C-alpha atoms as a PDB file:
ATOM      1  CA  MET A   1     -28.784 -12.293  -1.631  1.00  0.00           C
ATOM      2  CA  TYR A   2     -28.767  -9.618   0.785  1.00  0.00           C
ATOM      3  CA  THR A   3     -26.360  -6.882   1.300  1.00  0.00           C
ATOM      4  CA  VAL A   4     -24.813  -6.002   5.262  1.00  0.00           C
ATOM      5  CA  GLN A   5     -22.647  -3.072   5.956  1.00  0.00           C
ATOM      6  CA  VAL A   6     -19.430  -4.116   8.422  1.00  0.00           C
ATOM      7  CA  ARG A   7     -17.104  -1.826   9.989  1.00  0.00           C
ATOM      8  CA  MET A   8     -12.984  -3.717  11.211  1.00  0.00           C
ATOM      9  CA  LYS A   9     -11.531  -2.582  14.219  1.00  0.00           C
ATOM     10  CA  LYS A  10      -8.595  -2.779  16.168  1.00  0.00           C
ATOM     11  CA  LEU A  11      -9.228  -1.670  19.725  1.00  0.00           C
ATOM     12  CA  TRP A  12      -5.593   0.181  19.715  1.00  0.00           C
ATOM     13  CA  LYS A  13      -5.495   1.675  16.853  1.00  0.00           C
ATOM     14  CA  GLN A  14      -7.939   4.873  16.820  1.00  0.00           C
ATOM     15  CA  ARG A  15      -8.019   6.362  14.103  1.00  0.00           C
ATOM     16  CA  ARG A  16      -9.585   9.877  13.045  1.00  0.00           C
ATOM     17  CA  GLY A  17     -12.866  10.218  11.651  1.00  0.00           C
ATOM     18  CA  GLY A  18     -13.314   6.397  11.952  1.00  0.00           C
ATOM     19  CA  VAL A  19     -13.482   3.823   9.426  1.00  0.00           C
ATOM     20  CA  GLU A  20     -16.030   2.912   6.754  1.00  0.00           C
ATOM     21  CA  PRO A  21     -17.683   0.042   6.244  1.00  0.00           C
ATOM     22  CA  THR A  22     -17.365  -2.147   3.839  1.00  0.00           C
ATOM     23  CA  ALA A  23     -20.371  -3.642   2.047  1.00  0.00           C
ATOM     24  CA  TYR A  24     -20.826  -7.763   1.995  1.00  0.00           C
ATOM     25  CA  VAL A  25     -23.074  -9.397   0.133  1.00  0.00           C
ATOM     26  CA  LEU A  26     -24.211 -12.939   1.160  1.00  0.00           C
ATOM     27  CA  PRO A  27     -26.580 -15.471  -0.275  1.00  0.00           C
ATOM     28  CA  LYS A  28     -29.022 -14.757   2.859  1.00  0.00           C
ATOM     29  CA  ARG A  29     -29.401 -12.996   5.383  1.00  0.00           C
ATOM     30  CA  PRO A  30     -28.376 -14.100   8.724  1.00  0.00           C
ATOM     31  CA  GLU A  31     -30.942 -14.833  11.313  1.00  0.00           C
ATOM     32  CA  ASN A  32     -27.966 -15.348  14.748  1.00  0.00           C
ATOM     33  CA  VAL A  33     -24.316 -14.622  15.086  1.00  0.00           C
ATOM     34  CA  ARG A  34     -23.084 -17.599  14.148  1.00  0.00           C
ATOM     35  CA  GLU A  35     -24.879 -17.662  10.531  1.00  0.00           C
ATOM     36  CA  LEU A  36     -23.403 -13.411  10.378  1.00  0.00           C
ATOM     37  CA  VAL A  37     -20.126 -14.780  11.129  1.00  0.00           C
ATOM     38  CA  LEU A  38     -19.866 -18.083   9.136  1.00  0.00           C
ATOM     39  CA  GLU A  39     -21.141 -16.300   5.859  1.00  0.00           C
ATOM     40  CA  LEU A  40     -18.591 -13.838   6.477  1.00  0.00           C
ATOM     41  CA  VAL A  41     -15.632 -16.016   7.009  1.00  0.00           C
ATOM     42  CA  GLU A  42     -16.877 -18.457   3.836  1.00  0.00           C
ATOM     43  CA  LEU A  43     -16.887 -15.200   1.565  1.00  0.00           C
ATOM     44  CA  GLY A  44     -13.711 -14.123   3.034  1.00  0.00           C
ATOM     45  CA  VAL A  45     -11.864 -17.878   2.657  1.00  0.00           C
ATOM     46  CA  ARG A  46     -13.709 -17.991  -1.078  1.00  0.00           C
ATOM     47  CA  GLU A  47     -11.889 -14.418  -1.611  1.00  0.00           C
ATOM     48  CA  TYR A  48      -8.752 -15.534  -1.161  1.00  0.00           C
ATOM     49  CA  ASN A  49      -8.070 -18.801  -2.607  1.00  0.00           C
ATOM     50  CA  GLU A  50      -9.520 -16.707  -6.004  1.00  0.00           C
ATOM     51  CA  ARG A  51      -7.338 -14.160  -5.455  1.00  0.00           C
ATOM     52  CA  LYS A  52      -3.888 -15.932  -3.700  1.00  0.00           C
ATOM     53  CA  ASP A  53      -2.552 -17.384  -6.714  1.00  0.00           C
ATOM     54  CA  THR A  54      -2.138 -14.012  -9.205  1.00  0.00           C
ATOM     55  CA  GLY A  55       0.012 -12.361  -5.834  1.00  0.00           C
ATOM     56  CA  GLN A  56      -2.288  -9.731  -5.542  1.00  0.00           C
ATOM     57  CA  LEU A  57      -4.073 -10.323  -1.562  1.00  0.00           C
ATOM     58  CA  LEU A  58      -4.126  -6.218  -1.528  1.00  0.00           C
ATOM     59  CA  PRO A  59      -4.699  -4.312  -4.242  1.00  0.00           C
ATOM     60  CA  TYR A  60      -2.897  -1.082  -3.618  1.00  0.00           C
ATOM     61  CA  LEU A  61      -1.178  -0.242  -0.288  1.00  0.00           C
ATOM     62  CA  THR A  62      -1.508   3.491   1.376  1.00  0.00           C
ATOM     63  CA  LYS A  63       0.962   5.460   2.710  1.00  0.00           C
ATOM     64  CA  GLU A  64      -1.036   4.712   6.048  1.00  0.00           C
ATOM     65  CA  GLU A  65      -0.814   1.007   5.587  1.00  0.00           C
ATOM     66  CA  ILE A  66       3.187   1.104   4.682  1.00  0.00           C
ATOM     67  CA  LYS A  67       3.414   2.959   7.682  1.00  0.00           C
ATOM     68  CA  GLU A  68       1.361   0.491   9.882  1.00  0.00           C
ATOM     69  CA  LYS A  69       3.245  -2.541   8.032  1.00  0.00           C
ATOM     70  CA  ALA A  70       6.570  -1.191   8.380  1.00  0.00           C
ATOM     71  CA  GLU A  71       5.935  -0.953  12.286  1.00  0.00           C
ATOM     72  CA  ALA A  72       4.769  -4.174  12.545  1.00  0.00           C
ATOM     73  CA  GLY A  73       8.126  -5.232  10.546  1.00  0.00           C
ATOM     74  CA  LYS A  74       7.102  -6.221   7.147  1.00  0.00           C
ATOM     75  CA  VAL A  75       5.673  -4.664   4.345  1.00  0.00           C
ATOM     76  CA  ALA A  76       4.498  -7.865   1.908  1.00  0.00           C
ATOM     77  CA  PHE A  77       2.141  -7.231  -1.157  1.00  0.00           C
ATOM     78  CA  GLY A  78       0.854 -10.911  -1.189  1.00  0.00           C
ATOM     79  CA  LEU A  79       1.737 -14.341  -1.659  1.00  0.00           C
ATOM     80  CA  ARG A  80       1.622 -16.572  -4.790  1.00  0.00           C
ATOM     81  CA  GLY A  81      -0.019 -19.937  -5.495  1.00  0.00           C
ATOM     82  CA  GLY A  82       0.226 -21.716  -1.759  1.00  0.00           C
ATOM     83  CA  ASN A  83      -2.050 -23.995  -0.354  1.00  0.00           C
ATOM     84  CA  ASP A  84      -5.751 -22.627  -0.680  1.00  0.00           C
ATOM     85  CA  ALA A  85      -6.973 -21.448   2.784  1.00  0.00           C
ATOM     86  CA  ASP A  86      -9.308 -24.668   4.627  1.00  0.00           C
ATOM     87  CA  LEU A  87     -13.029 -23.408   5.232  1.00  0.00           C
ATOM     88  CA  GLU A  88     -13.590 -25.398   8.022  1.00  0.00           C
ATOM     89  CA  ALA A  89     -10.551 -24.440   9.814  1.00  0.00           C
ATOM     90  CA  ALA A  90     -11.693 -21.266   9.397  1.00  0.00           C
ATOM     91  CA  GLU A  91     -14.767 -20.915  10.464  1.00  0.00           C
ATOM     92  CA  GLU A  92     -13.844 -23.166  13.518  1.00  0.00           C
ATOM     93  CA  ASN A  93     -11.311 -20.709  14.736  1.00  0.00           C
ATOM     94  CA  ALA A  94     -13.616 -17.652  13.350  1.00  0.00           C
ATOM     95  CA  LEU A  95     -16.102 -19.351  16.327  1.00  0.00           C
ATOM     96  CA  GLN A  96     -13.847 -19.763  18.977  1.00  0.00           C
ATOM     97  CA  SER A  97     -12.091 -16.238  19.241  1.00  0.00           C
ATOM     98  CA  PHE A  98     -15.619 -14.693  19.091  1.00  0.00           C
ATOM     99  CA  LEU A  99     -16.089 -17.272  22.220  1.00  0.00           C
ATOM    100  CA  ASP A 100     -12.766 -16.588  23.530  1.00  0.00           C
ATOM    101  CA  GLY A 101     -13.273 -12.645  23.434  1.00  0.00           C
ATOM    102  CA  ILE A 102     -10.433 -12.114  21.042  1.00  0.00           C
ATOM    103  CA  TYR A 103     -12.807  -9.730  19.175  1.00  0.00           C
ATOM    104  CA  ARG A 104     -17.004  -8.675  19.658  1.00  0.00           C
ATOM    105  CA  ILE A 105     -19.405  -7.843  17.789  1.00  0.00           C
ATOM    106  CA  PHE A 106     -21.954  -4.963  17.313  1.00  0.00           C
ATOM    107  CA  ALA A 107     -24.837  -3.974  15.469  1.00  0.00           C
ATOM    108  CA  ASP A 108     -25.384  -0.517  15.315  1.00  0.00           C
ATOM    109  CA  GLU A 109     -24.338   0.155  19.239  1.00  0.00           C
ATOM    110  CA  THR A 110     -25.773  -2.939  20.473  1.00  0.00           C
ATOM    111  CA  GLU A 111     -23.656  -5.506  21.667  1.00  0.00           C
ATOM    112  CA  LEU A 112     -24.078  -9.007  20.379  1.00  0.00           C
ATOM    113  CA  THR A 113     -22.725 -11.783  22.830  1.00  0.00           C
ATOM    114  CA  GLY A 114     -23.822 -15.009  21.860  1.00  0.00           C
ATOM    115  CA  LEU A 115     -24.002 -16.887  18.812  1.00  0.00           C
ATOM    116  CA  ASP A 116     -27.130 -17.962  19.319  1.00  0.00           C
ATOM    117  CA  GLU A 117     -27.829 -14.233  19.541  1.00  0.00           C
ATOM    118  CA  GLU A 118     -30.692 -13.287  17.079  1.00  0.00           C
ATOM    119  CA  ILE A 119     -29.882 -10.263  15.002  1.00  0.00           C
ATOM    120  CA  PRO A 120     -32.051  -7.128  16.043  1.00  0.00           C
ATOM    121  CA  TRP A 121     -32.343  -5.891  11.640  1.00  0.00           C
ATOM    122  CA  ARG A 122     -33.156  -2.254  11.109  1.00  0.00           C
ATOM    123  CA  ASP A 123     -32.373  -0.464   8.270  1.00  0.00           C
ATOM    124  CA  GLY A 124     -29.119   0.882   7.582  1.00  0.00           C
ATOM    125  CA  MET A 125     -27.638  -0.865  10.244  1.00  0.00           C
ATOM    126  CA  VAL A 126     -23.911  -1.294  10.280  1.00  0.00           C
ATOM    127  CA  PHE A 127     -22.017  -4.471  12.478  1.00  0.00           C
ATOM    128  CA  THR A 128     -18.653  -3.728  13.611  1.00  0.00           C
ATOM    129  CA  PHE A 129     -16.194  -6.739  14.759  1.00  0.00           C
ATOM    130  CA  ILE A 130     -13.631  -5.329  17.315  1.00  0.00           C
ATOM    131  CA  ARG A 131     -10.217  -6.680  18.159  1.00  0.00           C
ATOM    132  CA  LEU A 132      -9.248  -7.164  21.711  1.00  0.00           C
ATOM    133  CA  ALA A 133      -6.354  -8.753  21.627  1.00  0.00           C
ATOM    134  CA  MET A 134      -3.141  -7.184  20.322  1.00  0.00           C
ATOM    135  CA  LEU A 135      -1.255 -10.907  20.111  1.00  0.00           C
ATOM    136  CA  SER A 136      -4.096 -13.443  18.839  1.00  0.00           C
ATOM    137  CA  GLY A 137      -2.568 -13.677  15.170  1.00  0.00           C
ATOM    138  CA  LEU A 138      -5.720 -12.560  13.786  1.00  0.00           C
END
């Protein structure tokens, strides 16, 4: 098992003090960008499918999250039932979105630009995923 720190940002959203990284436990240390993306997508799909039937996709909504969702036009606590997320489709979408420039990945201050690019591992490294396309629906 290997733990990575990941921070998710949206280019047009500015938050004071930055966004705190979240720890994700992966089965192994990814050697390149493709492995990092695929491992994170697999983890996300698995976690979504496990909790979708409970009707609690978010454990709670903060005042800021409620405000953001209201501005977007919908405040919701999650789905009940429905189909499982498709891992293969999610992986394909995540890789294509990276290639299309919908999001970028940084390892600390270093941008990772190719799927087969090796990750320059350092102690305490934080990965930052920045979504660039406001209307991407991601």
